Amino acid sequence: MDPLFSFVIPVYNVKSYLERCLDSILAQDYDSWEAILVDDGSTDESGEICDEYAARDKRFKVFHKLNGGVSSARNVGLNNVCGQWIWFVDSDDCIVDNALSCLYEYIISYKCDTIFFGMKIVHINSTTTVKPPYLTGLAKTALLSQISCFANPTMIFDSSIIKKHSLRFTEGIRMAEDLEFQYKYLAYNKSPISVDNCLYIYNCREASAMNNPLTETNNFNDCLAVAINLARFIDREQIPYSDWLMVRIRQIIKSGMQSASKIKTPVNFKSRLCEVIMAYSEIGWDKIADTTIKLAMQSTWLYLNMLKLYIRFSK
């Protein structure tokens, strides 16, 4: 029988964290799962660790490939999953002990095709929790208007939707690639629920992508690229206008704009931003440009300097 859950776990040079991640999966009290481990050309012992776990438990399935980035690795995972539900887990993080049994209870209790949940964020000297409200029985638009999910590991996806629409991650994107995939998926799902359990553990570490010195430049470039990709997707697939999706796309655009204020010399800021807004204007989504975005388009210097002052005095 196919497993109920499929973990998709990209692996790249995480030998110090990987065993903790995989042990957290082995510790689950619900055993209908598989873990697709995609070794993305690791140069440390991460690939060997994957093979060791596969030798111990046949539910671990390992794929070794040349380095191509996290999106490429996740796509290899998606090409090989068998489970009904997909959970994207990062190899330097882990899940709580009873995560799968909790999710199973929600699955059998509600006719849902998406489950949002919370996470614990572990810092060097502290732990914080981020969790959505408990919302069930709401229409999709009502629920998605009340929550925001900024990380794919804090939700599980119905694999039938992914397969039906051939959804994959856009390769070559370093930041916000998970949000692009998520929003495309949410355009098709019908019955999401949100629960307030913290089932995922995010471990902050200095070497992670979010702490890379080039993060701001990458975020500026990639957020605008993702916004354009989503505009093309909406046009190609004839996705109807919805406020919840517009708000999310606007957040991506503004994330890139905010990163630009932290770059000494943002390249082509105004022209790139105008290109994005024009893409949405062409598909009839004119509301995407709110007052802040319009200011940035009219006077880049004024917007960037006002934002720098705001960031300085809000600390």
Protein backbone atom coordinates (compact mmCIF):
# COMPACT_ATOMS: atom_id res chain seq x y z
CA MET A 1 0.00 0.00 0.00
CA ASP A 2 1.12 3.55 -0.68
CA PRO A 3 1.99 5.57 2.42
CA LEU A 4 -0.29 8.31 3.67
CA PHE A 5 2.54 10.83 4.07
CA SER A 6 5.53 11.60 1.85
CA PHE A 7 8.35 13.74 3.18
CA VAL A 8 10.38 15.56 0.52
CA ILE A 9 13.76 16.48 2.00
CA PRO A 10 16.51 18.22 -0.03
CA VAL A 11 19.94 17.49 1.44
CA TYR A 12 23.08 19.56 0.89
CA ASN A 13 26.09 19.66 3.25
CA VAL A 14 24.14 19.30 6.49
CA LYS A 15 26.00 16.43 8.16
CA SER A 16 25.80 18.12 11.58
CA TYR A 17 22.00 18.41 11.44
CA LEU A 18 20.76 15.61 9.19
CA GLU A 19 20.60 12.78 11.72
CA ARG A 20 18.48 14.88 14.07
CA CYS A 21 16.06 15.58 11.21
CA LEU A 22 15.78 11.94 10.15
CA ASP A 23 15.55 10.68 13.73
CA SER A 24 12.57 12.97 14.30
CA ILE A 25 10.82 11.18 11.44
CA LEU A 26 11.74 7.74 12.76
CA ALA A 27 10.35 8.72 16.16
CA GLN A 28 6.82 9.23 14.81
CA ASP A 29 4.08 7.10 16.38
CA TYR A 30 2.26 6.91 13.03
CA ASP A 31 4.17 4.74 10.59
CA SER A 32 2.49 5.15 7.18
CA TRP A 33 5.12 7.40 5.65
CA GLU A 34 8.00 7.55 3.24
CA ALA A 35 10.88 10.02 3.21
CA ILE A 36 12.34 11.02 -0.15
CA LEU A 37 15.91 12.18 0.54
CA VAL A 38 17.45 14.06 -2.37
CA ASP A 39 21.22 14.46 -1.96
CA ASP A 40 21.89 17.57 -4.04
CA GLY A 41 25.58 16.95 -4.71
CA SER A 42 26.76 17.21 -1.11
CA THR A 43 30.52 17.42 -0.63
CA ASP A 44 30.45 16.36 3.03
CA GLU A 45 29.15 13.07 4.48
CA SER A 46 25.46 13.98 4.07
CA GLY A 47 24.97 11.57 1.16
CA GLU A 48 26.45 8.69 3.13
CA ILE A 49 24.19 9.47 6.08
CA CYS A 50 21.17 9.29 3.75
CA ASP A 51 22.31 5.88 2.51
CA GLU A 52 22.79 4.64 6.08
CA TYR A 53 19.20 5.51 7.00
CA ALA A 54 17.87 3.90 3.81
CA ALA A 55 19.74 0.73 4.72
CA ARG A 56 18.15 0.78 8.19
CA ASP A 57 14.57 1.50 7.09
CA LYS A 58 13.14 0.96 3.59
CA ARG A 59 10.79 3.92 4.05
CA PHE A 60 13.79 6.17 3.40
CA LYS A 61 14.40 6.48 -0.34
CA VAL A 62 17.58 8.20 -1.49
CA PHE A 63 18.31 9.97 -4.76
CA HIS A 64 21.78 11.33 -5.46
CA LYS A 65 22.17 14.09 -8.05
CA LEU A 66 24.53 16.82 -9.17
CA ASN A 67 24.10 20.10 -7.32
CA GLY A 68 21.24 22.07 -8.83
CA GLY A 69 19.72 23.96 -5.92
CA VAL A 70 16.86 23.35 -3.54
CA SER A 71 14.10 23.73 -6.15
CA SER A 72 15.76 21.15 -8.38
CA ALA A 73 16.06 18.76 -5.44
CA ARG A 74 12.42 19.20 -4.43
CA ASN A 75 11.34 18.53 -8.01
CA VAL A 76 13.22 15.23 -7.97
CA GLY A 77 11.34 14.44 -4.78
CA LEU A 78 7.98 15.33 -6.33
CA ASN A 79 8.76 13.10 -9.30
CA ASN A 80 9.11 10.12 -6.96
CA VAL A 81 6.52 10.51 -4.18
CA CYS A 82 3.83 7.90 -3.57
CA GLY A 83 1.97 9.34 -0.59
CA GLN A 84 -1.38 11.11 -0.50
CA TRP A 85 0.00 14.02 1.54
CA ILE A 86 3.30 15.79 0.91
CA TRP A 87 5.34 17.53 3.59
CA PHE A 88 8.38 19.56 2.55
CA VAL A 89 10.94 19.37 5.36
CA ASP A 90 14.34 21.08 5.38
CA SER A 91 17.22 18.79 6.31
CA ASP A 92 18.54 21.06 9.07
CA ASP A 93 15.13 21.19 10.80
CA CYS A 94 12.94 18.53 12.40
CA ILE A 95 9.35 17.71 13.37
CA VAL A 96 7.77 17.13 16.78
CA ASP A 97 7.24 13.58 18.04
CA ASN A 98 3.51 13.25 17.48
CA ALA A 99 3.26 15.32 14.30
CA LEU A 100 1.93 12.63 11.97
CA SER A 101 -0.62 11.23 14.42
CA CYS A 102 -1.95 14.77 14.97
CA LEU A 103 -2.23 15.37 11.23
CA TYR A 104 -3.90 11.99 10.74
CA GLU A 105 -6.60 12.92 13.25
CA TYR A 106 -7.30 16.16 11.37
CA ILE A 107 -7.40 14.33 8.04
CA ILE A 108 -10.03 11.84 9.19
CA SER A 109 -12.01 14.53 11.05
CA TYR A 110 -12.25 17.07 8.23
CA LYS A 111 -12.72 16.78 4.49
CA CYS A 112 -9.71 18.97 3.73
CA ASP A 113 -7.07 19.16 1.03
CA THR A 114 -4.60 21.43 2.87
CA ILE A 115 -3.61 21.75 6.52
CA PHE A 116 -1.77 24.78 7.91
CA PHE A 117 -0.06 24.50 11.30
CA GLY A 118 2.49 26.28 13.50
CA MET A 119 6.20 25.95 14.20
CA LYS A 120 8.77 26.43 16.91
CA ILE A 121 11.73 28.65 16.01
CA VAL A 122 14.85 27.62 17.89
CA HIS A 123 17.48 30.35 18.37
CA ILE A 124 20.81 29.96 20.16
CA ASN A 125 19.44 31.10 23.51
CA SER A 126 15.67 31.01 23.09
CA THR A 127 12.68 29.40 21.42
CA THR A 128 9.66 31.21 20.01
CA THR A 129 6.43 29.85 18.57
CA VAL A 130 4.51 30.99 15.51
CA LYS A 131 1.10 29.48 14.97
CA PRO A 132 -2.02 30.27 12.96
CA PRO A 133 -5.52 30.38 14.43
CA TYR A 134 -7.64 27.24 14.62
CA LEU A 135 -10.00 27.55 11.66
CA THR A 136 -12.12 24.76 10.22
CA GLY A 137 -15.38 24.70 8.33
CA LEU A 138 -14.68 27.99 6.57
CA ALA A 139 -14.88 28.60 2.86
CA LYS A 140 -11.48 28.76 1.18
CA THR A 141 -11.58 32.51 0.54
CA ALA A 142 -12.61 33.28 4.12
CA LEU A 143 -9.85 31.11 5.59
CA LEU A 144 -7.06 32.32 3.30
CA SER A 145 -8.04 35.91 4.04
CA GLN A 146 -7.32 35.33 7.72
CA ILE A 147 -3.98 33.54 7.67
CA SER A 148 -0.58 33.86 6.01
CA CYS A 149 1.84 30.97 5.65
CA PHE A 150 5.39 32.10 4.93
CA ALA A 151 7.03 28.67 4.84
CA ASN A 152 5.94 25.50 3.05
CA PRO A 153 7.16 23.24 5.91
CA THR A 154 4.26 24.57 8.03
CA MET A 155 1.60 23.06 5.79
CA ILE A 156 0.94 19.75 4.07
CA PHE A 157 -0.15 19.44 0.44
CA ASP A 158 -2.59 17.07 -1.26
CA SER A 159 -0.47 15.21 -3.83
CA SER A 160 -3.44 14.69 -6.16
CA ILE A 161 -3.66 18.46 -6.75
CA ILE A 162 0.07 18.66 -7.43
CA LYS A 163 -0.09 15.75 -9.88
CA LYS A 164 -3.26 16.92 -11.63
CA HIS A 165 -1.79 20.34 -12.40
CA SER A 166 1.84 19.21 -12.82
CA LEU A 167 3.03 21.69 -10.20
CA ARG A 168 6.79 22.01 -9.75
CA PHE A 169 9.24 24.49 -8.23
CA THR A 170 10.84 27.06 -10.55
CA GLU A 171 14.54 26.25 -10.71
CA GLY A 172 17.11 29.02 -10.46
CA ILE A 173 15.14 30.97 -7.83
CA ARG A 174 16.94 31.27 -4.49
CA MET A 175 14.37 33.14 -2.40
CA ALA A 176 10.55 32.92 -2.31
CA GLU A 177 10.55 29.86 -4.57
CA ASP A 178 8.48 28.06 -1.95
CA LEU A 179 5.88 30.83 -1.95
CA GLU A 180 5.54 30.71 -5.73
CA PHE A 181 4.83 26.98 -5.53
CA GLN A 182 2.49 27.43 -2.57
CA TYR A 183 0.38 30.14 -4.22
CA LYS A 184 0.03 28.14 -7.41
CA TYR A 185 -1.15 25.19 -5.32
CA LEU A 186 -3.59 27.33 -3.32
CA ALA A 187 -5.09 28.62 -6.56
CA TYR A 188 -6.38 25.07 -7.13
CA ASN A 189 -7.18 23.72 -3.68
CA LYS A 190 -10.74 23.88 -2.36
CA SER A 191 -10.95 23.06 1.35
CA PRO A 192 -8.02 24.17 3.52
CA ILE A 193 -8.05 24.11 7.31
CA SER A 194 -5.78 25.78 9.85
CA VAL A 195 -4.78 24.33 13.24
CA ASP A 196 -2.86 25.88 16.11
CA ASN A 197 -0.52 22.95 16.82
CA CYS A 198 3.22 23.62 16.46
CA LEU A 199 4.38 20.56 14.52
CA TYR A 200 7.57 21.85 12.85
CA ILE A 201 10.86 22.90 14.45
CA TYR A 202 12.88 25.49 12.55
CA ASN A 203 16.51 25.70 13.63
CA CYS A 204 18.21 29.05 13.00
CA ARG A 205 21.83 28.64 11.96
CA GLU A 206 24.44 31.01 10.58
CA ALA A 207 25.11 29.03 7.41
CA SER A 208 21.48 28.89 6.28
CA ALA A 209 20.31 30.60 3.10
CA MET A 210 18.40 33.22 5.09
CA ASN A 211 21.63 34.35 6.77
CA ASN A 212 23.73 34.56 3.62
CA PRO A 213 25.48 37.97 3.12
CA LEU A 214 23.88 38.20 -0.33
CA THR A 215 20.38 37.62 1.05
CA GLU A 216 19.10 41.15 0.39
CA THR A 217 20.27 41.22 -3.23
CA ASN A 218 18.91 37.72 -3.84
CA ASN A 219 15.61 38.60 -2.22
CA PHE A 220 15.23 41.78 -4.29
CA ASN A 221 15.86 39.97 -7.58
CA ASP A 222 14.00 36.77 -6.80
CA CYS A 223 10.87 38.30 -5.26
CA LEU A 224 10.25 40.36 -8.38
CA ALA A 225 10.99 37.34 -10.57
CA VAL A 226 8.50 35.26 -8.58
CA ALA A 227 5.87 38.01 -8.88
CA ILE A 228 6.23 37.98 -12.68
CA ASN A 229 6.11 34.17 -12.74
CA LEU A 230 2.84 34.28 -10.82
CA ALA A 231 1.38 36.86 -13.22
CA ARG A 232 2.20 34.59 -16.15
CA PHE A 233 0.72 31.61 -14.31
CA ILE A 234 -2.52 33.51 -13.59
CA ASP A 235 -2.79 34.51 -17.23
CA ARG A 236 -1.91 31.10 -18.65
CA GLU A 237 -4.18 29.10 -16.33
CA GLN A 238 -6.98 31.72 -16.32
CA ILE A 239 -6.96 31.94 -12.52
CA PRO A 240 -9.84 34.21 -11.40
CA TYR A 241 -9.08 37.33 -9.38
CA SER A 242 -9.15 36.89 -5.59
CA ASP A 243 -8.25 39.29 -2.80
CA TRP A 244 -6.35 36.66 -0.80
CA LEU A 245 -4.01 35.94 -3.72
CA MET A 246 -3.52 39.62 -4.55
CA VAL A 247 -2.53 40.34 -0.94
CA ARG A 248 0.03 37.54 -0.97
CA ILE A 249 1.58 38.62 -4.27
CA ARG A 250 1.74 42.22 -3.04
CA GLN A 251 3.61 40.97 0.05
CA ILE A 252 6.19 39.30 -2.20
CA ILE A 253 6.66 42.50 -4.20
CA LYS A 254 7.06 44.58 -1.04
CA SER A 255 9.53 42.09 0.42
CA GLY A 256 11.72 42.66 -2.62
CA MET A 257 11.25 46.43 -2.34
CA GLN A 258 12.30 46.40 1.31
CA SER A 259 15.41 44.42 0.50
CA ALA A 260 16.30 47.04 -2.12
CA SER A 261 16.49 49.68 0.62
CA LYS A 262 19.27 47.66 2.28
CA ILE A 263 21.35 47.39 -0.89
CA LYS A 264 23.89 50.15 -1.39
CA THR A 265 23.09 50.50 -5.08
CA PRO A 266 19.91 48.65 -6.12
CA VAL A 267 20.18 47.95 -9.83
CA ASN A 268 17.27 48.86 -12.08
CA PHE A 269 14.88 49.15 -9.12
CA LYS A 270 12.30 51.36 -10.81
CA SER A 271 12.35 49.60 -14.18
CA ARG A 272 12.08 46.17 -12.54
CA LEU A 273 9.18 47.29 -10.36
CA CYS A 274 7.38 48.87 -13.31
CA GLU A 275 7.81 45.65 -15.27
CA VAL A 276 6.09 43.71 -12.48
CA ILE A 277 3.18 46.12 -12.14
CA MET A 278 2.73 46.22 -15.92
CA ALA A 279 2.51 42.41 -15.97
CA TYR A 280 -0.42 42.57 -13.56
CA SER A 281 -2.05 45.49 -15.33
CA GLU A 282 -2.09 43.45 -18.53
CA ILE A 283 -4.10 40.69 -16.84
CA GLY A 284 -6.52 43.15 -15.21
CA TRP A 285 -5.08 43.03 -11.68
CA ASP A 286 -4.63 46.82 -11.39
CA LYS A 287 -5.22 46.84 -7.62
CA ILE A 288 -1.86 45.15 -7.05
CA ALA A 289 -0.18 48.60 -6.90
CA ASP A 290 -1.20 50.21 -3.61
CA THR A 291 -0.11 53.67 -2.37
CA THR A 292 3.34 52.46 -1.28
CA ILE A 293 4.10 50.73 -4.56
CA LYS A 294 2.88 53.74 -6.55
CA LEU A 295 5.19 56.01 -4.53
CA ALA A 296 8.13 53.72 -5.26
CA MET A 297 7.33 53.83 -8.97
CA GLN A 298 7.01 57.61 -9.05
CA SER A 299 10.04 58.48 -6.92
CA THR A 300 12.51 55.70 -6.18
CA TRP A 301 14.80 58.00 -4.21
CA LEU A 302 11.99 59.24 -1.96
CA TYR A 303 10.61 55.77 -1.31
CA LEU A 304 13.97 54.15 -0.52
CA ASN A 305 15.04 56.94 1.82
CA MET A 306 11.71 57.02 3.63
CA LEU A 307 11.93 53.27 4.10
CA LYS A 308 15.50 53.49 5.42
CA LEU A 309 14.39 56.09 7.98
CA TYR A 310 11.42 53.95 9.00
CA ILE A 311 13.61 50.89 9.50
CA ARG A 312 16.17 52.87 11.49
CA PHE A 313 13.68 54.43 13.92
CA SER A 314 11.48 51.35 14.29
CA LYS A 315 14.30 49.28 15.80
